[in-house]
Amino acid sequence: MKIEKIRCHPQTFGEVNKKYCDLKQSIKDKLEGHFDGEINLSIKLYLLRSRAEKSDLDNYLKAIIDAINEGHVINKESQIGSIFIKRIKVDSPEEEGVEIEITSV
C-alpha cells in the first residue's frame, strides 16, 4: 500500500497539540487495508529547511506509527519489522507533508 503525499504540517511527538492530532487524522484518513503479518515502512518526510535542520527524525515517527496503529492498518506496533525514513528539505510550507509506503513481508 502506498499513500500519496499527505499535505500536512508534520509534527513531532513533543508537540502534542491540535496540529499533532491533525497530522495523525490526516494519515488515518488516507489509510486503506489491513495487515496481519510483519510489515516494512518507508517514509518520506518533507520538512521546511528551517525545521529539517533542527529536528530529529525519530520524533516524527511516533505520530506516524500511532496513526497506522489507530487506523487499524496493523494489529500492534510489534508487526513493524523495519522502518526507512528520509528527510527531504523543502522551501515552502505548501510543500510540507508525509509519504508512507507499507509493504508486507
N, C-alpha and C. Protein backbone atom coordinates (compact mmCIF):
# COMPACT_ATOMS: atom_id res chain seq x y z
N MET A 1 0.86 -1.17 0.00
CA MET A 1 0.00 0.00 0.00
C MET A 1 0.90 1.22 0.00
N LYS A 2 0.65 2.13 -0.91
CA LYS A 2 1.38 3.39 -0.93
C LYS A 2 0.37 4.51 -0.76
N ILE A 3 0.75 5.49 0.01
CA ILE A 3 -0.10 6.65 0.22
C ILE A 3 0.51 7.82 -0.51
N GLU A 4 -0.31 8.53 -1.25
CA GLU A 4 0.19 9.73 -1.89
C GLU A 4 0.62 10.72 -0.82
N LYS A 5 1.34 11.72 -1.24
CA LYS A 5 1.84 12.70 -0.29
C LYS A 5 0.67 13.32 0.47
N ILE A 6 0.74 13.22 1.77
CA ILE A 6 -0.28 13.80 2.63
C ILE A 6 0.14 15.22 2.94
N ARG A 7 -0.66 16.16 2.52
CA ARG A 7 -0.34 17.57 2.76
C ARG A 7 -0.68 17.89 4.21
N CYS A 8 0.32 18.19 4.97
CA CYS A 8 0.11 18.47 6.38
C CYS A 8 1.35 19.16 6.91
N HIS A 9 1.27 19.59 8.12
CA HIS A 9 2.40 20.18 8.81
C HIS A 9 2.94 19.12 9.76
N PRO A 10 3.98 18.38 9.35
CA PRO A 10 4.47 17.30 10.22
C PRO A 10 4.80 17.81 11.62
N GLN A 11 4.42 17.01 12.59
CA GLN A 11 4.62 17.37 13.99
C GLN A 11 5.38 16.27 14.70
N THR A 12 6.22 16.67 15.63
CA THR A 12 6.94 15.69 16.43
C THR A 12 6.09 15.32 17.64
N PHE A 13 6.46 14.22 18.27
CA PHE A 13 5.73 13.75 19.45
C PHE A 13 5.78 14.79 20.56
N GLY A 14 6.85 15.54 20.64
CA GLY A 14 6.99 16.56 21.67
C GLY A 14 6.06 17.75 21.48
N GLU A 15 5.40 17.81 20.31
CA GLU A 15 4.49 18.92 20.00
C GLU A 15 3.04 18.43 20.04
N VAL A 16 2.67 17.66 21.06
CA VAL A 16 1.32 17.10 21.13
C VAL A 16 0.34 18.25 21.32
N ASN A 17 -0.38 18.53 20.27
CA ASN A 17 -1.34 19.63 20.26
C ASN A 17 -2.32 19.39 19.10
N LYS A 18 -3.08 20.38 18.73
CA LYS A 18 -4.06 20.21 17.65
C LYS A 18 -3.38 19.83 16.34
N LYS A 19 -2.24 20.45 16.01
CA LYS A 19 -1.56 20.12 14.76
C LYS A 19 -1.07 18.68 14.76
N TYR A 20 -0.61 18.20 15.91
CA TYR A 20 -0.18 16.80 16.04
C TYR A 20 -1.37 15.88 15.78
N CYS A 21 -2.50 16.19 16.38
CA CYS A 21 -3.72 15.38 16.18
C CYS A 21 -4.19 15.48 14.73
N ASP A 22 -4.07 16.65 14.12
CA ASP A 22 -4.46 16.81 12.71
C ASP A 22 -3.58 15.95 11.81
N LEU A 23 -2.28 15.88 12.11
CA LEU A 23 -1.37 15.04 11.32
C LEU A 23 -1.80 13.58 11.41
N LYS A 24 -2.04 13.11 12.63
CA LYS A 24 -2.47 11.72 12.80
C LYS A 24 -3.77 11.46 12.06
N GLN A 25 -4.73 12.38 12.15
CA GLN A 25 -6.02 12.19 11.49
C GLN A 25 -5.86 12.21 9.97
N SER A 26 -5.01 13.08 9.45
CA SER A 26 -4.77 13.14 8.01
C SER A 26 -4.21 11.82 7.50
N ILE A 27 -3.30 11.24 8.25
CA ILE A 27 -2.73 9.95 7.85
C ILE A 27 -3.80 8.86 7.93
N LYS A 28 -4.53 8.82 9.04
CA LYS A 28 -5.58 7.79 9.21
C LYS A 28 -6.62 7.87 8.10
N ASP A 29 -6.97 9.09 7.68
CA ASP A 29 -7.97 9.27 6.63
C ASP A 29 -7.52 8.70 5.29
N LYS A 30 -6.21 8.64 5.07
CA LYS A 30 -5.68 8.14 3.80
C LYS A 30 -5.39 6.64 3.82
N LEU A 31 -5.37 6.04 4.98
CA LEU A 31 -5.00 4.64 5.09
C LEU A 31 -6.11 3.72 4.59
N GLU A 32 -5.69 2.68 3.90
CA GLU A 32 -6.63 1.66 3.44
C GLU A 32 -5.96 0.30 3.64
N GLY A 33 -6.76 -0.70 3.89
CA GLY A 33 -6.21 -2.04 4.02
C GLY A 33 -5.85 -2.38 5.45
N HIS A 34 -5.52 -3.65 5.63
CA HIS A 34 -5.15 -4.15 6.95
C HIS A 34 -4.09 -5.23 6.76
N PHE A 35 -3.12 -5.24 7.64
CA PHE A 35 -2.04 -6.21 7.60
C PHE A 35 -2.03 -6.99 8.91
N ASP A 36 -2.01 -8.32 8.79
CA ASP A 36 -1.94 -9.17 9.98
C ASP A 36 -0.51 -9.58 10.30
N GLY A 37 0.34 -9.65 9.28
CA GLY A 37 1.72 -10.08 9.49
C GLY A 37 2.68 -8.92 9.58
N GLU A 38 3.95 -9.27 9.47
CA GLU A 38 5.01 -8.27 9.57
C GLU A 38 4.97 -7.32 8.38
N ILE A 39 5.27 -6.06 8.65
CA ILE A 39 5.30 -5.05 7.60
C ILE A 39 6.61 -4.27 7.65
N ASN A 40 6.90 -3.61 6.54
CA ASN A 40 8.00 -2.66 6.47
C ASN A 40 7.41 -1.30 6.14
N LEU A 41 7.96 -0.26 6.73
CA LEU A 41 7.53 1.11 6.46
C LEU A 41 8.63 1.86 5.73
N SER A 42 8.23 2.61 4.72
CA SER A 42 9.12 3.53 4.04
C SER A 42 8.46 4.90 4.10
N ILE A 43 9.14 5.86 4.69
CA ILE A 43 8.55 7.17 4.96
C ILE A 43 9.43 8.26 4.36
N LYS A 44 8.79 9.17 3.63
CA LYS A 44 9.47 10.39 3.17
C LYS A 44 8.82 11.54 3.91
N LEU A 45 9.63 12.28 4.60
CA LEU A 45 9.16 13.38 5.42
C LEU A 45 9.64 14.69 4.79
N TYR A 46 8.71 15.46 4.26
CA TYR A 46 9.02 16.73 3.60
C TYR A 46 8.90 17.84 4.64
N LEU A 47 10.03 18.46 4.96
CA LEU A 47 10.08 19.48 6.01
C LEU A 47 10.69 20.77 5.48
N LEU A 48 10.20 21.88 5.99
CA LEU A 48 10.83 23.16 5.70
C LEU A 48 12.30 23.09 6.11
N ARG A 49 13.15 23.69 5.33
CA ARG A 49 14.59 23.66 5.63
C ARG A 49 14.88 24.08 7.07
N SER A 50 14.22 25.13 7.52
CA SER A 50 14.49 25.64 8.88
C SER A 50 14.14 24.61 9.95
N ARG A 51 13.09 23.83 9.72
CA ARG A 51 12.70 22.78 10.68
C ARG A 51 13.56 21.55 10.51
N ALA A 52 13.88 21.22 9.28
CA ALA A 52 14.63 19.99 8.98
C ALA A 52 16.02 20.01 9.61
N GLU A 53 16.59 21.19 9.69
CA GLU A 53 17.96 21.30 10.19
C GLU A 53 18.06 21.22 11.71
N LYS A 54 16.92 21.30 12.40
CA LYS A 54 16.98 21.23 13.87
C LYS A 54 16.08 20.17 14.46
N SER A 55 15.53 19.29 13.62
CA SER A 55 14.60 18.27 14.09
C SER A 55 15.21 16.88 14.01
N ASP A 56 14.93 16.07 15.01
CA ASP A 56 15.33 14.67 14.99
C ASP A 56 14.25 13.85 14.31
N LEU A 57 14.64 13.02 13.36
CA LEU A 57 13.66 12.23 12.60
C LEU A 57 12.83 11.30 13.48
N ASP A 58 13.44 10.72 14.49
CA ASP A 58 12.71 9.76 15.31
C ASP A 58 11.53 10.40 16.04
N ASN A 59 11.60 11.70 16.27
CA ASN A 59 10.49 12.36 16.95
C ASN A 59 9.23 12.45 16.09
N TYR A 60 9.39 12.38 14.77
CA TYR A 60 8.23 12.40 13.88
C TYR A 60 7.58 11.02 13.76
N LEU A 61 8.36 9.99 14.04
CA LEU A 61 7.85 8.63 13.86
C LEU A 61 6.66 8.30 14.77
N LYS A 62 6.64 8.83 15.96
CA LYS A 62 5.58 8.49 16.92
C LYS A 62 4.19 8.78 16.33
N ALA A 63 4.01 9.96 15.76
CA ALA A 63 2.71 10.31 15.19
C ALA A 63 2.35 9.39 14.03
N ILE A 64 3.33 9.07 13.20
CA ILE A 64 3.08 8.23 12.03
C ILE A 64 2.72 6.81 12.46
N ILE A 65 3.49 6.26 13.37
CA ILE A 65 3.21 4.90 13.85
C ILE A 65 1.88 4.84 14.60
N ASP A 66 1.62 5.84 15.44
CA ASP A 66 0.33 5.89 16.13
C ASP A 66 -0.83 5.93 15.14
N ALA A 67 -0.70 6.69 14.07
CA ALA A 67 -1.78 6.79 13.08
C ALA A 67 -2.00 5.45 12.39
N ILE A 68 -0.93 4.75 12.07
CA ILE A 68 -1.05 3.44 11.43
C ILE A 68 -1.72 2.45 12.37
N ASN A 69 -1.35 2.51 13.63
CA ASN A 69 -1.93 1.62 14.64
C ASN A 69 -3.39 1.97 14.92
N GLU A 70 -3.65 3.25 15.19
CA GLU A 70 -5.02 3.68 15.49
C GLU A 70 -5.95 3.58 14.29
N GLY A 71 -5.38 3.63 13.09
CA GLY A 71 -6.18 3.48 11.87
C GLY A 71 -6.47 2.02 11.55
N HIS A 72 -6.03 1.12 12.42
CA HIS A 72 -6.28 -0.32 12.30
C HIS A 72 -5.69 -0.92 11.03
N VAL A 73 -4.59 -0.35 10.56
CA VAL A 73 -3.86 -0.94 9.44
C VAL A 73 -3.05 -2.13 9.95
N ILE A 74 -2.62 -2.05 11.20
CA ILE A 74 -1.92 -3.15 11.85
C ILE A 74 -2.62 -3.44 13.18
N ASN A 75 -2.34 -4.62 13.71
CA ASN A 75 -2.93 -5.01 14.99
C ASN A 75 -2.13 -4.46 16.17
N LYS A 76 -0.82 -4.41 15.98
CA LYS A 76 0.07 -3.92 17.05
C LYS A 76 1.37 -3.45 16.42
N GLU A 77 2.02 -2.54 17.12
CA GLU A 77 3.23 -1.93 16.60
C GLU A 77 4.38 -2.92 16.41
N SER A 78 4.34 -4.02 17.13
CA SER A 78 5.41 -5.01 17.00
C SER A 78 5.40 -5.71 15.64
N GLN A 79 4.38 -5.47 14.82
CA GLN A 79 4.35 -6.02 13.46
C GLN A 79 5.34 -5.30 12.54
N ILE A 80 5.81 -4.15 12.94
CA ILE A 80 6.72 -3.38 12.11
C ILE A 80 8.10 -4.01 12.18
N GLY A 81 8.56 -4.55 11.06
CA GLY A 81 9.85 -5.21 11.00
C GLY A 81 10.99 -4.26 10.70
N SER A 82 10.72 -3.25 9.86
CA SER A 82 11.75 -2.28 9.54
C SER A 82 11.11 -0.94 9.19
N ILE A 83 11.90 0.09 9.38
CA ILE A 83 11.46 1.45 9.07
C ILE A 83 12.58 2.15 8.33
N PHE A 84 12.25 2.70 7.17
CA PHE A 84 13.17 3.56 6.44
C PHE A 84 12.55 4.94 6.43
N ILE A 85 13.30 5.95 6.83
CA ILE A 85 12.76 7.31 6.84
C ILE A 85 13.79 8.24 6.20
N LYS A 86 13.27 9.09 5.34
CA LYS A 86 14.13 10.05 4.64
C LYS A 86 13.58 11.45 4.85
N ARG A 87 14.46 12.35 5.20
CA ARG A 87 14.11 13.76 5.36
C ARG A 87 14.38 14.44 4.03
N ILE A 88 13.38 15.17 3.53
CA ILE A 88 13.52 15.94 2.30
C ILE A 88 13.24 17.39 2.63
N LYS A 89 14.22 18.24 2.38
CA LYS A 89 14.09 19.66 2.71
C LYS A 89 13.33 20.38 1.60
N VAL A 90 12.33 21.16 2.00
CA VAL A 90 11.52 21.93 1.05
C VAL A 90 11.58 23.41 1.43
N ASP A 91 11.18 24.25 0.48
CA ASP A 91 11.32 25.69 0.66
C ASP A 91 10.06 26.42 1.09
N SER A 92 8.90 25.76 1.01
CA SER A 92 7.66 26.46 1.40
C SER A 92 6.76 25.53 2.21
N PRO A 93 5.92 26.10 3.07
CA PRO A 93 5.00 25.28 3.87
C PRO A 93 4.05 24.44 3.01
N GLU A 94 3.74 24.92 1.83
CA GLU A 94 2.83 24.17 0.95
C GLU A 94 3.44 22.86 0.47
N GLU A 95 4.75 22.76 0.53
CA GLU A 95 5.44 21.54 0.10
C GLU A 95 5.60 20.53 1.22
N GLU A 96 5.34 20.93 2.46
CA GLU A 96 5.50 20.01 3.58
C GLU A 96 4.50 18.86 3.48
N GLY A 97 4.87 17.73 4.01
CA GLY A 97 3.97 16.59 4.02
C GLY A 97 4.70 15.30 4.35
N VAL A 98 3.97 14.21 4.19
CA VAL A 98 4.47 12.88 4.51
C VAL A 98 4.02 11.92 3.42
N GLU A 99 4.92 11.05 2.98
CA GLU A 99 4.58 9.93 2.11
C GLU A 99 4.89 8.65 2.88
N ILE A 100 3.97 7.72 2.85
CA ILE A 100 4.17 6.45 3.58
C ILE A 100 3.92 5.31 2.62
N GLU A 101 4.82 4.35 2.61
CA GLU A 101 4.61 3.12 1.86
C GLU A 101 4.69 1.97 2.85
N ILE A 102 3.68 1.11 2.83
CA ILE A 102 3.62 -0.03 3.72
C ILE A 102 3.65 -1.29 2.85
N THR A 103 4.58 -2.17 3.13
CA THR A 103 4.65 -3.43 2.39
C THR A 103 4.66 -4.59 3.37
N SER A 104 4.00 -5.66 2.98
CA SER A 104 4.02 -6.85 3.82
C SER A 104 5.27 -7.64 3.53
N VAL A 105 5.73 -8.34 4.54
CA VAL A 105 6.98 -9.11 4.43
C VAL A 105 6.65 -10.52 4.04
